[in-house]
Amino acid sequence: MSHVVKDSGPRPGIQQLSAPQLKDMMDDGVLFELIDVRTEGERAIAKIEGARLLDQACHDYLLGLDPDTSIVFQCHHGIRSQSAAEYFARHGFRCLYNLEGGIDAWSQLVDGSVPRY
């Protein structure tokens, strides 16, 4: 699912995205980077297909992208991903999204086959 796109223009702040809104973006073919900020152990329990682990290589890759690239961050409940989005906002990125409720919301509202933990 990892894609790059220049958005139609910068939006101030970090946009909060519900799990159904993220699913709609995926279904509509919207291009964006989907970044999972959880640990590898958490990802082994449950993950959103196409999400990329935010490790050092991913971090460096993201910093090399156009600052208008759309990036969606997700974690377990949306707290760590919000922090990650804030970090990238400080590095000049303008089209950042935080998955509200994280993978827990994804499991409850979009894909019940994804285990909750």
Protein backbone atom coordinates (compact mmCIF):
# COMPACT_ATOMS: atom_id res chain seq x y z
CA MET A 1 0.00 0.00 0.00
CA SER A 2 3.01 2.25 0.29
CA HIS A 3 2.54 4.97 -2.28
CA VAL A 4 3.69 8.51 -2.79
CA VAL A 5 1.52 11.39 -3.90
CA LYS A 6 1.69 15.13 -3.95
CA ASP A 7 -1.46 16.40 -2.33
CA SER A 8 -3.49 19.20 -3.86
CA GLY A 9 -1.96 21.54 -1.33
CA PRO A 10 -0.71 21.84 2.21
CA ARG A 11 -3.19 21.66 5.07
CA PRO A 12 -2.36 23.10 8.44
CA GLY A 13 -1.74 20.69 11.27
CA ILE A 14 -2.20 16.96 11.47
CA GLN A 15 -5.52 15.65 10.24
CA GLN A 16 -7.30 13.05 12.36
CA LEU A 17 -8.53 10.16 10.24
CA SER A 18 -11.12 7.60 11.32
CA ALA A 19 -10.64 3.95 10.44
CA PRO A 20 -13.56 4.03 7.94
CA GLN A 21 -12.06 7.15 6.32
CA LEU A 22 -8.72 5.33 5.92
CA LYS A 23 -10.53 2.34 4.37
CA ASP A 24 -12.30 4.72 1.95
CA MET A 25 -8.95 6.24 0.95
CA MET A 26 -7.58 2.77 0.27
CA ASP A 27 -10.68 1.70 -1.68
CA ASP A 28 -10.60 4.93 -3.71
CA GLY A 29 -6.97 4.36 -4.70
CA VAL A 30 -5.71 7.48 -2.94
CA LEU A 31 -1.91 7.38 -2.87
CA PHE A 32 -0.19 7.77 0.48
CA GLU A 33 2.43 6.26 2.75
CA LEU A 34 0.92 4.11 5.54
CA ILE A 35 3.35 3.98 8.45
CA ASP A 36 3.00 1.73 11.50
CA VAL A 37 4.89 3.12 14.49
CA ARG A 38 4.34 0.09 16.74
CA THR A 39 6.92 -2.53 17.64
CA GLU A 40 7.63 -5.61 15.54
CA GLY A 41 6.05 -7.69 18.31
CA GLU A 42 2.81 -5.72 18.09
CA ARG A 43 2.81 -6.02 14.30
CA ALA A 44 3.15 -9.80 14.68
CA ILE A 45 -0.18 -9.79 16.55
CA ALA A 46 -2.15 -7.48 14.24
CA LYS A 47 -1.43 -5.27 11.25
CA ILE A 48 -3.06 -3.36 8.43
CA GLU A 49 -1.97 -4.83 5.12
CA GLY A 50 0.44 -2.54 3.32
CA ALA A 51 1.57 -0.65 6.40
CA ARG A 52 5.32 -0.15 6.66
CA LEU A 53 7.15 -0.40 9.99
CA LEU A 54 8.74 2.87 11.06
CA ASP A 55 12.29 1.64 11.51
CA GLN A 56 15.47 3.60 10.77
CA ALA A 57 15.38 2.77 7.05
CA CYS A 58 11.75 3.89 6.78
CA HIS A 59 12.50 7.05 8.78
CA ASP A 60 15.34 7.95 6.42
CA TYR A 61 13.18 7.13 3.38
CA LEU A 62 10.37 9.38 4.61
CA LEU A 63 12.72 12.29 5.29
CA GLY A 64 13.82 12.06 1.66
CA LEU A 65 10.29 12.47 0.31
CA ASP A 66 8.63 15.63 -0.97
CA PRO A 67 7.18 17.50 2.04
CA ASP A 68 3.74 17.43 0.35
CA THR A 69 3.66 13.61 0.39
CA SER A 70 0.58 12.29 2.17
CA ILE A 71 1.56 10.15 5.15
CA VAL A 72 -0.82 8.26 7.45
CA PHE A 73 0.58 7.15 10.80
CA GLN A 74 -0.98 4.38 12.87
CA CYS A 75 -0.26 2.64 16.16
CA HIS A 76 -2.33 0.73 18.71
CA HIS A 77 -4.67 3.51 19.87
CA GLY A 78 -3.47 6.66 18.07
CA ILE A 79 -1.16 8.19 20.66
CA ARG A 80 2.29 7.13 19.41
CA SER A 81 1.21 7.76 15.82
CA GLN A 82 0.18 11.31 16.73
CA SER A 83 3.66 11.87 18.17
CA ALA A 84 5.25 10.49 15.00
CA ALA A 85 3.10 12.79 12.85
CA GLU A 86 4.15 15.75 15.01
CA TYR A 87 7.80 14.78 14.54
CA PHE A 88 7.43 14.77 10.74
CA ALA A 89 5.46 18.05 10.87
CA ARG A 90 8.48 19.60 12.60
CA HIS A 91 10.55 18.34 9.64
CA GLY A 92 8.39 20.32 7.21
CA PHE A 93 5.81 17.74 6.12
CA ARG A 94 2.40 19.23 5.46
CA CYS A 95 0.00 16.39 4.55
CA LEU A 96 0.02 14.27 7.68
CA TYR A 97 -2.71 12.08 9.10
CA ASN A 98 -3.14 10.21 12.37
CA LEU A 99 -5.37 7.13 12.49
CA GLU A 100 -7.74 7.86 15.38
CA GLY A 101 -8.03 4.86 17.66
CA GLY A 102 -5.21 3.09 15.82
CA ILE A 103 -5.35 -0.53 14.81
CA ASP A 104 -7.83 -1.17 17.62
CA ALA A 105 -10.37 1.06 15.83
CA TRP A 106 -9.46 -0.58 12.50
CA SER A 107 -10.28 -3.98 14.00
CA GLN A 108 -13.58 -2.80 15.49
CA LEU A 109 -14.84 -0.62 12.64
CA VAL A 110 -13.28 -1.96 9.42
CA ASP A 111 -11.76 -5.43 9.59
CA GLY A 112 -12.88 -7.72 12.40
CA SER A 113 -10.38 -10.37 11.25
CA VAL A 114 -7.57 -8.19 12.65
CA PRO A 115 -7.03 -9.36 16.25
CA ARG A 116 -7.50 -6.94 19.13
CA TYR A 117 -4.95 -6.88 21.93
